[in-house]
Structures are given as C-alpha cells and as structure tokens.
C-alpha cells in the first residue's frame, strides 16, 4: 500500500489554488465589475468601490496562497509546485505589463499596474526558489547514493 505524503498533497493543492485565484483576479477585474453592475447598483455601491476591494483581495490572496504553498513544500521535492507557482506569477504579470506598455512612463502611479507586476514577480520568485531548492535536493540525493 502506497502512502501519500500529506504535506506534498497540501502544497500541490495550494499551488493549484494559486493558479485558480490568479486568473480570477486577472479576468475578474475586467469582466466581473461590469457583469455585476446591476447588483452593485441595487446594493448602492459604485463599480469603483467594487474594484477597490476586489483587486486587492484576490491579489493578496494569490500571494498568500503562493507563499503558503512554498512554505508547506519547504522540505519536499516538487517541480510541480515550482512550475505551478511560476505559471501563476507569469499570468499575474501579463495584465500589468500590458497596462505599463500602454501608458506614458512619466505618469506611472505607485498604486497602479506596477504593483501587479511586482506581485507577479514575487510569485515567480517563489516558484524559481522552489525549483532551485528541489534541483539541489535531487543533486544531493544522487551524490549521496553514489
């Protein structure tokens, strides 16, 4: 009977959750506020108020999930967690890069797309660090066996 490492399963689950939350954040800022406009109007909120909490909530959630996946998988060998984190960070950065390419450099505001880019870099950095750590663990195991 094969036993599954619970920490590995949890870390992969958290990395997958990060990959699910990131597209919701990316697509949600563009699609969800307009599709919920009637409901928002009935609640007495403006679309700006919806975007004001929706963006940071999913952004912080994605970073928290990515960090949790990294921490839980610390002593595990997993290129899967590394790859999921890297893909999540890249997807997270795409809209920010598009927004940065379409504006004048002189008018970049700090609570603007630059934060999305930096947040995506954080998630990619976690994935790269996890990949390097996994590769080093594999190398040490190979040298220890020989």
Protein backbone atom coordinates (compact mmCIF):
# COMPACT_ATOMS: atom_id res chain seq x y z
CA UNK A 1 0.00 0.00 0.00
CA UNK A 2 1.44 3.36 -1.05
CA UNK A 3 1.17 6.21 1.42
CA UNK A 4 0.84 9.72 0.12
CA UNK A 5 2.77 12.50 1.81
CA UNK A 6 0.14 14.86 3.22
CA UNK A 7 2.45 17.89 3.09
CA UNK A 8 3.07 17.26 -0.62
CA UNK A 9 -0.65 16.97 -1.34
CA UNK A 10 -1.40 20.16 0.60
CA UNK A 11 1.39 22.10 -1.12
CA UNK A 12 0.23 20.99 -4.58
CA UNK A 13 -3.34 21.91 -3.61
CA UNK A 14 -2.24 25.37 -2.51
CA UNK A 15 -0.25 25.88 -5.70
CA UNK A 16 -3.26 24.82 -7.79
CA UNK A 17 -5.44 27.19 -5.75
CA UNK A 18 -2.98 29.97 -6.57
CA UNK A 19 -3.28 29.10 -10.24
CA UNK A 20 -7.09 29.23 -9.94
CA UNK A 21 -7.18 32.51 -8.00
CA UNK A 22 -4.77 34.34 -10.33
CA UNK A 23 -6.95 34.04 -13.48
CA UNK A 24 -9.96 35.08 -11.40
CA UNK A 25 -8.01 38.18 -10.41
CA UNK A 26 -6.80 38.82 -13.94
CA UNK A 27 -10.15 38.28 -15.64
CA UNK A 28 -12.27 39.43 -12.76
CA UNK A 29 -11.05 43.00 -12.80
CA UNK A 30 -12.11 43.29 -16.42
CA UNK A 31 -15.26 41.16 -16.52
CA UNK A 32 -16.82 40.85 -13.09
CA UNK A 33 -17.43 44.51 -12.21
CA UNK A 34 -19.37 45.11 -15.44
CA UNK A 35 -21.34 41.88 -15.18
CA UNK A 36 -22.31 42.65 -11.60
CA UNK A 37 -23.21 46.27 -12.32
CA UNK A 38 -26.98 45.79 -11.74
CA UNK A 39 -26.40 44.01 -8.44
CA UNK A 40 -23.86 46.60 -7.36
CA UNK A 41 -26.30 49.37 -8.25
CA UNK A 42 -29.04 47.76 -6.17
CA UNK A 43 -26.66 47.46 -3.22
CA UNK A 44 -25.86 51.16 -3.51
CA UNK A 45 -22.21 50.62 -4.34
CA UNK A 46 -20.39 52.02 -7.32
CA UNK A 47 -18.31 49.97 -9.73
CA UNK A 48 -15.24 51.79 -8.41
CA UNK A 49 -15.99 50.59 -4.89
CA UNK A 50 -16.29 47.02 -6.14
CA UNK A 51 -12.94 47.24 -7.92
CA UNK A 52 -11.40 48.88 -4.86
CA UNK A 53 -11.83 45.74 -2.73
CA UNK A 54 -11.95 43.08 -5.44
CA UNK A 55 -8.47 43.69 -6.86
CA UNK A 56 -6.50 43.79 -3.61
CA UNK A 57 -8.44 40.86 -2.11
CA UNK A 58 -7.57 38.49 -4.95
CA UNK A 59 -4.07 39.91 -5.32
CA UNK A 60 -3.22 39.45 -1.66
CA UNK A 61 -4.97 36.07 -1.70
CA UNK A 62 -2.84 34.87 -4.62
CA UNK A 63 0.37 35.96 -2.90
CA UNK A 64 -0.75 34.35 0.38
CA UNK A 65 -1.64 31.06 -1.34
CA UNK A 66 1.66 31.03 -3.24
CA UNK A 67 3.62 31.72 -0.07
CA UNK A 68 1.70 29.04 1.81
CA UNK A 69 2.43 26.50 -0.96
CA UNK A 70 6.12 27.43 -0.82
CA UNK A 71 6.31 27.15 2.98
CA UNK A 72 4.38 23.87 3.20
CA UNK A 73 6.54 22.29 0.48
CA UNK A 74 9.81 23.52 2.00
CA UNK A 75 11.36 20.08 2.65
CA UNK A 76 9.54 18.37 -0.23
CA UNK A 77 10.96 17.72 -3.68
CA UNK A 78 8.41 19.09 -6.10
CA UNK A 79 8.95 20.52 -9.54
CA UNK A 80 5.15 20.54 -9.86
CA UNK A 81 4.74 23.16 -7.11
CA UNK A 82 7.58 25.16 -8.64
CA UNK A 83 6.04 25.08 -12.10
CA UNK A 84 2.56 25.99 -10.86
CA UNK A 85 3.93 28.97 -8.95
CA UNK A 86 5.95 30.20 -11.92
CA UNK A 87 2.96 29.92 -14.28
CA UNK A 88 0.73 31.70 -11.75
CA UNK A 89 3.20 34.57 -11.42
CA UNK A 90 3.54 34.95 -15.18
CA UNK A 91 -0.24 35.01 -15.65
CA UNK A 92 -0.45 37.55 -12.84
CA UNK A 93 2.10 39.84 -14.52
CA UNK A 94 0.62 39.85 -18.05
CA UNK A 95 -2.14 42.47 -17.50
CA UNK A 96 0.24 44.68 -15.54
CA UNK A 97 2.81 44.54 -18.35
CA UNK A 98 0.12 45.38 -20.91
CA UNK A 99 -1.04 48.30 -18.79
CA UNK A 100 2.53 49.52 -18.32
CA UNK A 101 3.18 49.32 -22.07
CA UNK A 102 0.12 51.43 -22.83
CA UNK A 103 0.85 54.36 -20.52
CA UNK A 104 3.42 57.08 -20.51
CA UNK A 105 6.35 56.36 -18.18
CA UNK A 106 6.03 59.84 -16.66
CA UNK A 107 2.58 59.07 -15.24
CA UNK A 108 3.17 55.70 -13.56
CA UNK A 109 1.40 55.75 -10.22
CA UNK A 110 2.54 53.51 -7.41
CA UNK A 111 -0.88 52.03 -6.61
CA UNK A 112 -1.18 51.17 -10.29
CA UNK A 113 -0.07 48.34 -12.55
CA UNK A 114 3.46 48.38 -11.19
CA UNK A 115 2.18 46.68 -8.02
CA UNK A 116 0.65 43.93 -10.14
CA UNK A 117 3.99 43.43 -11.84
CA UNK A 118 5.87 43.33 -8.52
CA UNK A 119 3.32 40.91 -7.03
CA UNK A 120 3.70 38.64 -10.05
CA UNK A 121 7.47 38.76 -9.64
CA UNK A 122 7.08 37.70 -6.01
CA UNK A 123 5.09 34.62 -7.04
CA UNK A 124 7.54 33.80 -9.86
CA UNK A 125 10.41 34.25 -7.40
CA UNK A 126 8.84 31.76 -5.01
CA UNK A 127 8.49 29.27 -7.85
CA UNK A 128 12.08 29.76 -9.02
CA UNK A 129 13.38 29.42 -5.46
CA UNK A 130 11.37 26.23 -5.03
CA UNK A 131 12.72 24.87 -8.32
CA UNK A 132 16.32 25.63 -7.37
CA UNK A 133 15.86 24.06 -3.95
CA UNK A 134 14.28 20.96 -5.49
CA UNK A 135 17.11 20.64 -8.02
CA UNK A 136 19.71 20.94 -5.26
CA UNK A 137 17.89 18.33 -3.16
CA UNK A 138 17.88 15.97 -6.15
CA UNK A 139 21.58 16.58 -6.77
CA UNK A 140 22.44 15.87 -3.14
CA UNK A 141 20.42 12.67 -3.22
CA UNK A 142 22.22 11.47 -6.37
CA UNK A 143 25.67 12.24 -4.95
CA UNK A 144 24.78 10.63 -1.62
CA UNK A 145 23.76 7.39 -3.35
CA UNK A 146 26.96 7.12 -5.36
